[in-house]
Protein backbone atom coordinates (compact mmCIF):
# COMPACT_ATOMS: atom_id res chain seq x y z
CA UNK A 1 -14.05 -65.48 -4.47
CA UNK A 2 -13.33 -61.77 -4.91
CA UNK A 3 -11.68 -60.13 -1.94
CA UNK A 4 -12.46 -56.46 -1.42
CA UNK A 5 -9.99 -54.00 0.02
CA UNK A 6 -10.88 -53.39 3.69
CA UNK A 7 -9.30 -49.91 3.70
CA UNK A 8 -10.92 -46.53 3.07
CA UNK A 9 -8.69 -43.90 1.49
CA UNK A 10 -8.62 -40.69 3.54
CA UNK A 11 -8.10 -37.21 2.05
CA UNK A 12 -4.55 -35.85 2.15
CA UNK A 13 -5.60 -33.15 4.62
CA UNK A 14 -4.85 -33.87 8.31
CA UNK A 15 -7.82 -31.74 9.37
CA UNK A 16 -10.15 -34.17 7.57
CA UNK A 17 -8.73 -37.45 8.91
CA UNK A 18 -11.45 -39.26 10.81
CA UNK A 19 -10.18 -41.36 12.42
CA UNK A 20 -6.55 -40.29 12.40
CA UNK A 21 -3.95 -43.06 12.68
CA UNK A 22 -1.24 -40.43 13.36
CA UNK A 23 -1.24 -38.97 16.86
CA UNK A 24 0.83 -35.91 17.68
CA UNK A 25 2.06 -35.35 21.23
CA UNK A 26 0.81 -32.01 22.53
CA UNK A 27 3.60 -29.84 23.92
CA UNK A 28 3.99 -26.21 24.92
CA UNK A 29 6.82 -24.48 23.07
CA UNK A 30 8.22 -21.40 24.74
CA UNK A 31 10.25 -18.89 22.77
CA UNK A 32 11.45 -15.36 23.32
CA UNK A 33 11.53 -12.44 20.93
CA UNK A 34 14.68 -10.39 20.43
CA UNK A 35 13.27 -7.89 22.95
CA UNK A 36 12.68 -10.65 25.54
CA UNK A 37 8.91 -11.06 25.15
CA UNK A 38 7.94 -14.63 26.11
CA UNK A 39 5.65 -16.58 23.76
CA UNK A 40 3.88 -19.86 24.52
CA UNK A 41 2.48 -21.95 21.66
CA UNK A 42 0.75 -25.34 21.83
CA UNK A 43 2.19 -27.66 19.18
CA UNK A 44 1.47 -31.27 18.26
CA UNK A 45 4.04 -32.02 15.56
CA UNK A 46 7.09 -32.87 17.67
CA UNK A 47 9.26 -35.97 17.93
CA UNK A 48 12.80 -37.27 18.20
CA UNK A 49 14.69 -36.84 14.96
CA UNK A 50 18.08 -38.27 15.90
CA UNK A 51 19.84 -40.04 18.74
CA UNK A 52 23.09 -38.21 18.03
CA UNK A 53 22.75 -34.68 19.24
CA UNK A 54 20.08 -35.63 20.36
CA UNK A 55 17.75 -33.88 17.92
CA UNK A 56 14.09 -32.93 18.33
CA UNK A 57 11.90 -32.08 15.33
CA UNK A 58 9.15 -29.48 15.49
CA UNK A 59 6.69 -28.79 12.68
CA UNK A 60 5.69 -25.14 12.37
CA UNK A 61 4.53 -22.42 10.00
CA UNK A 62 7.15 -19.89 9.03
CA UNK A 63 4.55 -17.19 9.72
CA UNK A 64 4.19 -18.15 13.40
CA UNK A 65 5.84 -16.25 16.24
CA UNK A 66 7.36 -19.57 17.33
CA UNK A 67 9.30 -19.83 14.08
CA UNK A 68 10.28 -16.16 13.99
CA UNK A 69 11.52 -16.21 17.59
CA UNK A 70 13.54 -19.42 17.09
CA UNK A 71 15.14 -18.04 13.93
CA UNK A 72 15.99 -14.80 15.78
CA UNK A 73 17.34 -16.21 19.07
CA UNK A 74 18.35 -19.75 18.06
CA UNK A 75 16.74 -21.18 21.21
CA UNK A 76 13.45 -22.61 22.46
CA UNK A 77 12.12 -24.74 25.29
CA UNK A 78 9.58 -27.55 24.98
CA UNK A 79 7.51 -28.31 28.08
CA UNK A 80 5.75 -31.68 28.11
CA UNK A 81 2.35 -31.24 29.80
CA UNK A 82 0.12 -33.97 31.18
CA UNK A 83 -3.08 -34.79 29.31
CA UNK A 84 -4.95 -32.70 31.91
CA UNK A 85 -2.66 -29.74 31.23
CA UNK A 86 -3.31 -30.09 27.48
CA UNK A 87 -7.08 -29.72 27.79
CA UNK A 88 -6.75 -25.94 27.43
CA UNK A 89 -4.34 -26.11 24.44
CA UNK A 90 -7.01 -25.09 21.93
CA UNK A 91 -8.08 -22.14 24.07
CA UNK A 92 -4.44 -21.09 24.52
CA UNK A 93 -3.90 -21.19 20.75
CA UNK A 94 -6.90 -18.87 20.26
CA UNK A 95 -5.75 -16.44 22.99
CA UNK A 96 -3.86 -13.29 21.97
CA UNK A 97 -0.14 -13.97 22.08
CA UNK A 98 0.62 -11.58 24.94
CA UNK A 99 -1.93 -13.37 27.16
CA UNK A 100 -1.08 -17.01 26.42
CA UNK A 101 1.20 -17.68 29.40
CA UNK A 102 -1.46 -16.36 31.79
CA UNK A 103 -4.21 -18.31 29.97
CA UNK A 104 -2.25 -21.54 30.42
CA UNK A 105 -2.37 -21.24 34.21
CA UNK A 106 1.21 -22.55 34.25
CA UNK A 107 4.28 -20.90 35.72
CA UNK A 108 7.36 -20.02 33.62
CA UNK A 109 10.62 -20.56 35.52
CA UNK A 110 14.16 -19.68 34.39
CA UNK A 111 16.06 -22.11 32.21
CA UNK A 112 19.32 -23.76 33.08
CA UNK A 113 20.99 -23.22 29.69
CA UNK A 114 19.26 -21.21 26.96
CA UNK A 115 17.53 -18.38 28.74
CA UNK A 116 14.08 -19.55 27.60
CA UNK A 117 11.90 -20.53 30.60
CA UNK A 118 10.08 -23.83 31.00
CA UNK A 119 6.73 -24.46 32.71
CA UNK A 120 7.13 -25.55 36.35
CA UNK A 121 3.97 -27.66 36.56
CA UNK A 122 4.71 -29.77 33.47
CA UNK A 123 6.43 -33.04 34.43
CA UNK A 124 9.25 -32.70 31.87
CA UNK A 125 10.93 -30.20 29.57
CA UNK A 126 13.83 -29.87 27.16
CA UNK A 127 15.87 -26.84 26.19
CA UNK A 128 16.87 -26.76 22.54
CA UNK A 129 19.27 -24.88 20.31
CA UNK A 130 18.43 -24.45 16.63
CA UNK A 131 20.28 -27.07 14.57
CA UNK A 132 18.61 -26.64 11.18
CA UNK A 133 15.45 -25.46 9.47
CA UNK A 134 14.02 -27.60 6.66
CA UNK A 135 11.59 -25.96 4.23
CA UNK A 136 8.49 -28.04 3.51
CA UNK A 137 5.48 -27.40 1.26
CA UNK A 138 3.82 -23.99 1.36
CA UNK A 139 4.66 -22.02 4.48
CA UNK A 140 5.51 -25.07 6.60
CA UNK A 141 8.95 -25.81 8.02
CA UNK A 142 10.52 -28.49 10.15
CA UNK A 143 12.72 -27.08 12.88
CA UNK A 144 15.45 -29.40 14.13
CA UNK A 145 16.74 -28.52 17.55
CA UNK A 146 19.67 -29.99 19.44
CA UNK A 147 18.55 -30.86 22.95
CA UNK A 148 20.88 -29.06 25.38
CA UNK A 149 19.03 -30.07 28.55
CA UNK A 150 16.32 -32.67 29.24
CA UNK A 151 14.72 -32.69 32.69
CA UNK A 152 12.00 -34.78 34.36
CA UNK A 153 10.35 -34.10 37.74
CA UNK A 154 12.21 -36.00 40.46
CA UNK A 155 8.98 -37.61 41.73
CA UNK A 156 8.76 -39.50 38.41
CA UNK A 157 12.34 -40.85 38.41
CA UNK A 158 12.86 -44.36 39.78
CA UNK A 159 9.25 -45.52 39.59
CA UNK A 160 8.19 -48.60 37.66
CA UNK A 161 7.30 -48.04 33.99
CA UNK A 162 3.54 -48.04 34.54
CA UNK A 163 3.71 -45.48 37.33
CA UNK A 164 6.32 -43.32 35.54
CA UNK A 165 4.24 -42.97 32.38
CA UNK A 166 1.07 -42.57 34.41
CA UNK A 167 2.66 -39.51 36.05
CA UNK A 168 4.05 -38.15 32.77
CA UNK A 169 0.57 -38.74 31.23
CA UNK A 170 1.29 -37.16 27.82
CA UNK A 171 -1.63 -35.88 25.78
CA UNK A 172 -1.98 -36.49 22.04
CA UNK A 173 -3.82 -34.60 19.29
CA UNK A 174 -5.76 -37.07 17.13
CA UNK A 175 -8.13 -34.85 15.17
CA UNK A 176 -9.87 -31.53 15.81
CA UNK A 177 -11.61 -31.80 19.18
CA UNK A 178 -10.23 -35.27 19.94
CA UNK A 179 -7.24 -35.90 22.20
CA UNK A 180 -6.03 -38.98 24.03
CA UNK A 181 -3.27 -40.36 26.21
CA UNK A 182 -1.07 -43.46 26.45
CA UNK A 183 -2.48 -46.86 27.29
CA UNK A 184 0.34 -49.11 28.51
CA UNK A 185 0.19 -52.85 28.05
CA UNK A 186 -0.01 -54.96 31.20
């Protein structure tokens, strides 16, 4: 009996993965220009990169304002929105840079360490200091940031795991036009 391979090979282009087995958590990265202009950018290539530090990795294009601002100031803040708060991420990304904070409907509040605000309505945020930039293919880079402050809304702390993650409710980019959230096991 000849066994056939049950897998279909997908193209090596994330935009063409259907379905995508790699989800990216949607976050809002806030940076500031040298002149103090605040920028908000939805990103979905972010994850822990090291326990010691701790380090957070962020995929970016070196032509984006996010990258330029981080390289200039050495600081950025990552706000972790709920899946509901991520529903406008695509629209925010298409909005002119100077109008993105207003388009998000979220409120920037002062940071505790780096001077880069976080978004009040998001249930968690971290303030990062540039640790290293790693050049990737083309114009892509991986930014490694040392987390200087990690904060979670107090109404989430102390709940059982199911309720905690239900309140954090992170949103994930799966493929263009398709997002999802966590489904915890019983």
